[in-house]
Amino acid sequence: MATKILTVPEKFYECEVKRRRVRANGPGYEPFWRLKALADALLDGDTEFRCKDCHGPLKLHRRHTPGTASYLEHKFKVDSEHCQQGARFIEASDGRAHRQSATPVA
């Protein structure tokens, strides 16, 4: 039996990035996640990314040649298979359901 080859590359241009804000009930800062376009996140110097749907870790692919844009993809195949934005989830024909990542980024 032949295996199905992934024909559509997985590319994300929007994700959640980890930011800090002043605590409302005391001194110091607290982390929170904010939805951002990848281009803006790279300009702001953000380094921690997660998927906006499954909260799984993402891998950054920076632009190396002119005319191409930097993009993100799921770090783990299983996250792509069960995330509603994952290329493997979209191509699946077995009626699988969306679920959160088994290794979410906190």
N, C-alpha and C. Protein backbone atom coordinates (compact mmCIF):
# COMPACT_ATOMS: atom_id res chain seq x y z
N MET A 1 0.84 -1.18 0.00
CA MET A 1 0.00 0.00 0.00
C MET A 1 0.88 1.24 0.00
N ALA A 2 0.63 2.12 -0.91
CA ALA A 2 1.42 3.34 -1.02
C ALA A 2 0.99 4.35 0.04
N THR A 3 1.96 5.07 0.56
CA THR A 3 1.63 6.10 1.54
C THR A 3 1.34 7.40 0.82
N LYS A 4 0.48 8.18 1.43
CA LYS A 4 0.10 9.45 0.84
C LYS A 4 1.18 10.49 1.14
N ILE A 5 1.64 11.18 0.13
CA ILE A 5 2.66 12.19 0.28
C ILE A 5 1.98 13.54 0.54
N LEU A 6 2.51 14.26 1.49
CA LEU A 6 1.97 15.56 1.83
C LEU A 6 2.23 16.52 0.67
N THR A 7 1.17 17.00 0.04
CA THR A 7 1.33 17.84 -1.14
C THR A 7 1.30 19.33 -0.80
N VAL A 8 0.60 19.69 0.26
CA VAL A 8 0.49 21.10 0.64
C VAL A 8 1.44 21.37 1.79
N PRO A 9 2.44 22.23 1.61
CA PRO A 9 3.33 22.52 2.73
C PRO A 9 2.59 23.29 3.82
N GLU A 10 2.97 23.02 5.04
CA GLU A 10 2.33 23.69 6.17
C GLU A 10 3.05 25.00 6.44
N LYS A 11 2.33 26.11 6.34
CA LYS A 11 2.93 27.41 6.57
C LYS A 11 1.96 28.27 7.36
N PHE A 12 2.44 28.82 8.46
CA PHE A 12 1.67 29.74 9.28
C PHE A 12 2.32 31.12 9.20
N TYR A 13 1.49 32.14 9.08
CA TYR A 13 1.99 33.50 9.07
C TYR A 13 1.41 34.29 10.24
N GLU A 14 0.65 33.61 11.11
CA GLU A 14 0.06 34.24 12.29
C GLU A 14 0.13 33.23 13.43
N CYS A 15 0.51 33.70 14.61
CA CYS A 15 0.67 32.80 15.75
C CYS A 15 0.51 33.59 17.04
N GLU A 16 0.61 32.90 18.15
CA GLU A 16 0.61 33.56 19.44
C GLU A 16 2.06 33.70 19.89
N VAL A 17 2.40 34.87 20.45
CA VAL A 17 3.74 35.11 20.96
C VAL A 17 3.65 35.43 22.45
N LYS A 18 4.69 35.07 23.19
CA LYS A 18 4.70 35.29 24.63
C LYS A 18 5.19 36.71 24.91
N ARG A 19 4.41 37.44 25.68
CA ARG A 19 4.73 38.82 26.05
C ARG A 19 4.70 38.95 27.57
N ARG A 20 5.12 40.10 28.08
CA ARG A 20 5.07 40.37 29.52
C ARG A 20 4.31 41.66 29.77
N ARG A 21 3.60 41.70 30.91
CA ARG A 21 2.91 42.92 31.31
C ARG A 21 3.04 43.07 32.83
N VAL A 22 2.83 44.29 33.30
CA VAL A 22 2.92 44.56 34.73
C VAL A 22 1.75 43.88 35.43
N ARG A 23 2.05 43.21 36.55
CA ARG A 23 1.00 42.55 37.32
C ARG A 23 0.01 43.57 37.86
N ALA A 24 -1.26 43.20 37.83
CA ALA A 24 -2.31 44.09 38.33
C ALA A 24 -2.37 44.08 39.85
N ASN A 25 -1.96 42.98 40.48
CA ASN A 25 -2.11 42.87 41.92
C ASN A 25 -0.79 42.84 42.68
N GLY A 26 0.25 43.39 42.13
CA GLY A 26 1.50 43.43 42.86
C GLY A 26 2.68 43.79 41.98
N PRO A 27 3.86 43.80 42.56
CA PRO A 27 5.05 44.17 41.78
C PRO A 27 5.47 43.04 40.84
N GLY A 28 6.18 43.41 39.82
CA GLY A 28 6.71 42.42 38.88
C GLY A 28 5.91 42.32 37.60
N TYR A 29 6.24 41.32 36.83
CA TYR A 29 5.61 41.11 35.53
C TYR A 29 4.96 39.73 35.48
N GLU A 30 4.00 39.58 34.58
CA GLU A 30 3.37 38.29 34.36
C GLU A 30 3.35 38.01 32.85
N PRO A 31 3.55 36.75 32.45
CA PRO A 31 3.52 36.42 31.03
C PRO A 31 2.08 36.26 30.52
N PHE A 32 1.88 36.55 29.25
CA PHE A 32 0.60 36.30 28.59
C PHE A 32 0.85 36.07 27.11
N TRP A 33 -0.09 35.45 26.42
CA TRP A 33 0.03 35.14 25.00
C TRP A 33 -0.80 36.12 24.19
N ARG A 34 -0.23 36.62 23.10
CA ARG A 34 -0.90 37.59 22.25
C ARG A 34 -0.82 37.12 20.79
N LEU A 35 -1.93 37.24 20.08
CA LEU A 35 -1.99 36.88 18.67
C LEU A 35 -1.31 37.96 17.84
N LYS A 36 -0.40 37.54 16.95
CA LYS A 36 0.37 38.49 16.15
C LYS A 36 0.70 37.91 14.79
N ALA A 37 0.88 38.78 13.83
CA ALA A 37 1.39 38.35 12.52
C ALA A 37 2.88 38.07 12.68
N LEU A 38 3.38 37.06 11.98
CA LEU A 38 4.78 36.66 12.12
C LEU A 38 5.73 37.79 11.76
N ALA A 39 5.42 38.54 10.72
CA ALA A 39 6.31 39.64 10.31
C ALA A 39 6.45 40.67 11.44
N ASP A 40 5.35 40.99 12.11
CA ASP A 40 5.40 41.93 13.23
C ASP A 40 6.17 41.35 14.42
N ALA A 41 5.98 40.06 14.67
CA ALA A 41 6.67 39.40 15.78
C ALA A 41 8.18 39.40 15.57
N LEU A 42 8.62 39.17 14.33
CA LEU A 42 10.05 39.18 14.05
C LEU A 42 10.63 40.58 14.18
N LEU A 43 9.87 41.60 13.76
CA LEU A 43 10.34 42.98 13.91
C LEU A 43 10.44 43.38 15.38
N ASP A 44 9.53 42.87 16.21
CA ASP A 44 9.54 43.19 17.64
C ASP A 44 10.55 42.36 18.42
N GLY A 45 11.16 41.36 17.79
CA GLY A 45 12.16 40.54 18.45
C GLY A 45 11.59 39.43 19.32
N ASP A 46 10.35 39.02 19.07
CA ASP A 46 9.75 37.93 19.84
C ASP A 46 10.46 36.61 19.50
N THR A 47 10.59 35.74 20.52
CA THR A 47 11.31 34.48 20.31
C THR A 47 10.49 33.25 20.68
N GLU A 48 9.39 33.41 21.41
CA GLU A 48 8.58 32.27 21.82
C GLU A 48 7.26 32.29 21.06
N PHE A 49 7.01 31.21 20.29
CA PHE A 49 5.82 31.12 19.45
C PHE A 49 5.03 29.86 19.81
N ARG A 50 3.70 29.93 19.62
CA ARG A 50 2.87 28.73 19.74
C ARG A 50 1.69 28.86 18.79
N CYS A 51 1.12 27.73 18.42
CA CYS A 51 -0.02 27.69 17.50
C CYS A 51 -1.23 28.33 18.18
N LYS A 52 -1.95 29.13 17.44
CA LYS A 52 -3.11 29.82 18.01
C LYS A 52 -4.29 28.88 18.24
N ASP A 53 -4.30 27.71 17.61
CA ASP A 53 -5.43 26.78 17.76
C ASP A 53 -5.15 25.64 18.73
N CYS A 54 -4.00 24.98 18.59
CA CYS A 54 -3.72 23.81 19.43
C CYS A 54 -2.73 24.11 20.55
N HIS A 55 -2.13 25.29 20.54
CA HIS A 55 -1.16 25.73 21.55
C HIS A 55 0.11 24.89 21.55
N GLY A 56 0.38 24.20 20.46
CA GLY A 56 1.60 23.40 20.32
C GLY A 56 2.78 24.24 19.89
N PRO A 57 4.00 23.72 20.06
CA PRO A 57 5.20 24.47 19.65
C PRO A 57 5.31 24.56 18.13
N LEU A 58 5.87 25.66 17.67
CA LEU A 58 6.06 25.89 16.24
C LEU A 58 7.54 26.05 15.93
N LYS A 59 7.90 25.71 14.70
CA LYS A 59 9.28 25.84 14.24
C LYS A 59 9.34 27.01 13.26
N LEU A 60 10.30 27.91 13.47
CA LEU A 60 10.45 29.09 12.63
C LEU A 60 11.39 28.78 11.47
N HIS A 61 10.96 29.15 10.26
CA HIS A 61 11.79 29.06 9.07
C HIS A 61 11.98 30.49 8.57
N ARG A 62 13.18 31.00 8.74
CA ARG A 62 13.46 32.38 8.34
C ARG A 62 13.68 32.47 6.83
N ARG A 63 13.42 33.66 6.31
CA ARG A 63 13.60 33.93 4.88
C ARG A 63 15.10 33.94 4.57
N HIS A 64 15.50 33.20 3.56
CA HIS A 64 16.91 33.16 3.17
C HIS A 64 17.14 33.70 1.77
N THR A 65 16.11 33.71 0.95
CA THR A 65 16.26 34.20 -0.41
C THR A 65 15.27 35.34 -0.63
N PRO A 66 15.63 36.29 -1.46
CA PRO A 66 14.71 37.40 -1.75
C PRO A 66 13.42 36.89 -2.38
N GLY A 67 12.31 37.47 -2.01
CA GLY A 67 11.03 37.10 -2.59
C GLY A 67 10.28 36.04 -1.81
N THR A 68 10.89 35.49 -0.77
CA THR A 68 10.20 34.50 0.06
C THR A 68 9.98 35.09 1.45
N ALA A 69 8.94 34.63 2.11
CA ALA A 69 8.62 35.14 3.44
C ALA A 69 8.96 34.10 4.49
N SER A 70 9.30 34.56 5.69
CA SER A 70 9.50 33.66 6.81
C SER A 70 8.16 33.05 7.18
N TYR A 71 8.18 31.81 7.69
CA TYR A 71 6.94 31.15 8.07
C TYR A 71 7.18 30.21 9.23
N LEU A 72 6.10 29.73 9.80
CA LEU A 72 6.13 28.79 10.91
C LEU A 72 5.43 27.51 10.50
N GLU A 73 5.81 26.39 11.12
CA GLU A 73 5.10 25.14 10.94
C GLU A 73 5.12 24.39 12.27
N HIS A 74 4.23 23.42 12.42
CA HIS A 74 4.20 22.64 13.65
C HIS A 74 5.53 21.92 13.84
N LYS A 75 6.00 21.91 15.08
CA LYS A 75 7.26 21.24 15.39
C LYS A 75 7.09 19.72 15.38
N PHE A 76 5.93 19.24 15.83
CA PHE A 76 5.68 17.81 15.90
C PHE A 76 4.58 17.40 14.91
N LYS A 77 4.79 16.27 14.25
CA LYS A 77 3.85 15.77 13.25
C LYS A 77 2.48 15.50 13.86
N VAL A 78 2.44 14.96 15.08
CA VAL A 78 1.16 14.63 15.72
C VAL A 78 0.32 15.89 15.96
N ASP A 79 0.96 17.02 16.23
CA ASP A 79 0.21 18.27 16.38
C ASP A 79 -0.42 18.68 15.05
N SER A 80 0.31 18.53 13.96
CA SER A 80 -0.21 18.86 12.65
C SER A 80 -1.37 17.95 12.26
N GLU A 81 -1.33 16.70 12.72
CA GLU A 81 -2.38 15.75 12.39
C GLU A 81 -3.69 16.03 13.12
N HIS A 82 -3.65 16.74 14.24
CA HIS A 82 -4.85 16.97 15.04
C HIS A 82 -5.17 18.44 15.27
N CYS A 83 -4.47 19.35 14.61
CA CYS A 83 -4.77 20.78 14.70
C CYS A 83 -5.58 21.18 13.47
N GLN A 84 -6.61 21.97 13.67
CA GLN A 84 -7.49 22.32 12.56
C GLN A 84 -6.81 23.15 11.48
N GLN A 85 -5.66 23.75 11.76
CA GLN A 85 -4.92 24.48 10.73
C GLN A 85 -3.77 23.67 10.15
N GLY A 86 -3.52 22.48 10.68
CA GLY A 86 -2.42 21.65 10.20
C GLY A 86 -2.71 21.08 8.83
N ALA A 87 -1.69 21.01 8.00
CA ALA A 87 -1.86 20.50 6.64
C ALA A 87 -2.27 19.02 6.65
N ARG A 88 -1.74 18.25 7.57
CA ARG A 88 -2.09 16.83 7.64
C ARG A 88 -3.53 16.63 8.13
N PHE A 89 -4.03 17.52 8.96
CA PHE A 89 -5.42 17.45 9.44
C PHE A 89 -6.37 17.75 8.29
N ILE A 90 -6.05 18.74 7.49
CA ILE A 90 -6.90 19.15 6.37
C ILE A 90 -6.97 18.05 5.32
N GLU A 91 -5.84 17.35 5.08
CA GLU A 91 -5.81 16.30 4.07
C GLU A 91 -6.41 14.98 4.55
N ALA A 92 -6.56 14.80 5.85
CA ALA A 92 -7.06 13.53 6.38
C ALA A 92 -8.52 13.31 5.98
N SER A 93 -8.85 12.06 5.69
CA SER A 93 -10.22 11.73 5.30
C SER A 93 -10.87 10.75 6.28
N ASP A 94 -10.30 10.61 7.47
CA ASP A 94 -10.82 9.64 8.44
C ASP A 94 -11.75 10.28 9.47
N GLY A 95 -12.10 11.55 9.32
CA GLY A 95 -13.05 12.21 10.21
C GLY A 95 -12.50 12.50 11.59
N ARG A 96 -11.20 12.71 11.70
CA ARG A 96 -10.60 12.99 13.01
C ARG A 96 -11.06 14.34 13.56
N ALA A 97 -11.00 14.48 14.86
CA ALA A 97 -11.44 15.71 15.52
C ALA A 97 -10.24 16.55 15.96
N HIS A 98 -10.46 17.85 16.01
CA HIS A 98 -9.43 18.77 16.49
C HIS A 98 -9.22 18.54 17.98
N ARG A 99 -7.97 18.62 18.41
CA ARG A 99 -7.66 18.53 19.84
C ARG A 99 -6.45 19.39 20.16
N GLN A 100 -6.29 19.70 21.44
CA GLN A 100 -5.15 20.47 21.89
C GLN A 100 -3.88 19.62 21.78
N SER A 101 -2.75 20.27 21.75
CA SER A 101 -1.47 19.59 21.64
C SER A 101 -1.19 18.74 22.88
N ALA A 102 -0.51 17.61 22.68
CA ALA A 102 -0.11 16.77 23.79
C ALA A 102 1.03 17.42 24.58
N THR A 103 1.77 18.32 23.94
CA THR A 103 2.86 19.05 24.59
C THR A 103 2.65 20.55 24.39
N PRO A 104 1.65 21.15 25.06
CA PRO A 104 1.38 22.57 24.86
C PRO A 104 2.48 23.46 25.43
N VAL A 105 2.67 24.60 24.81
CA VAL A 105 3.63 25.58 25.29
C VAL A 105 2.92 26.44 26.32
N ALA A 106 3.49 26.50 27.51
CA ALA A 106 2.84 27.25 28.60
C ALA A 106 3.30 28.68 28.66
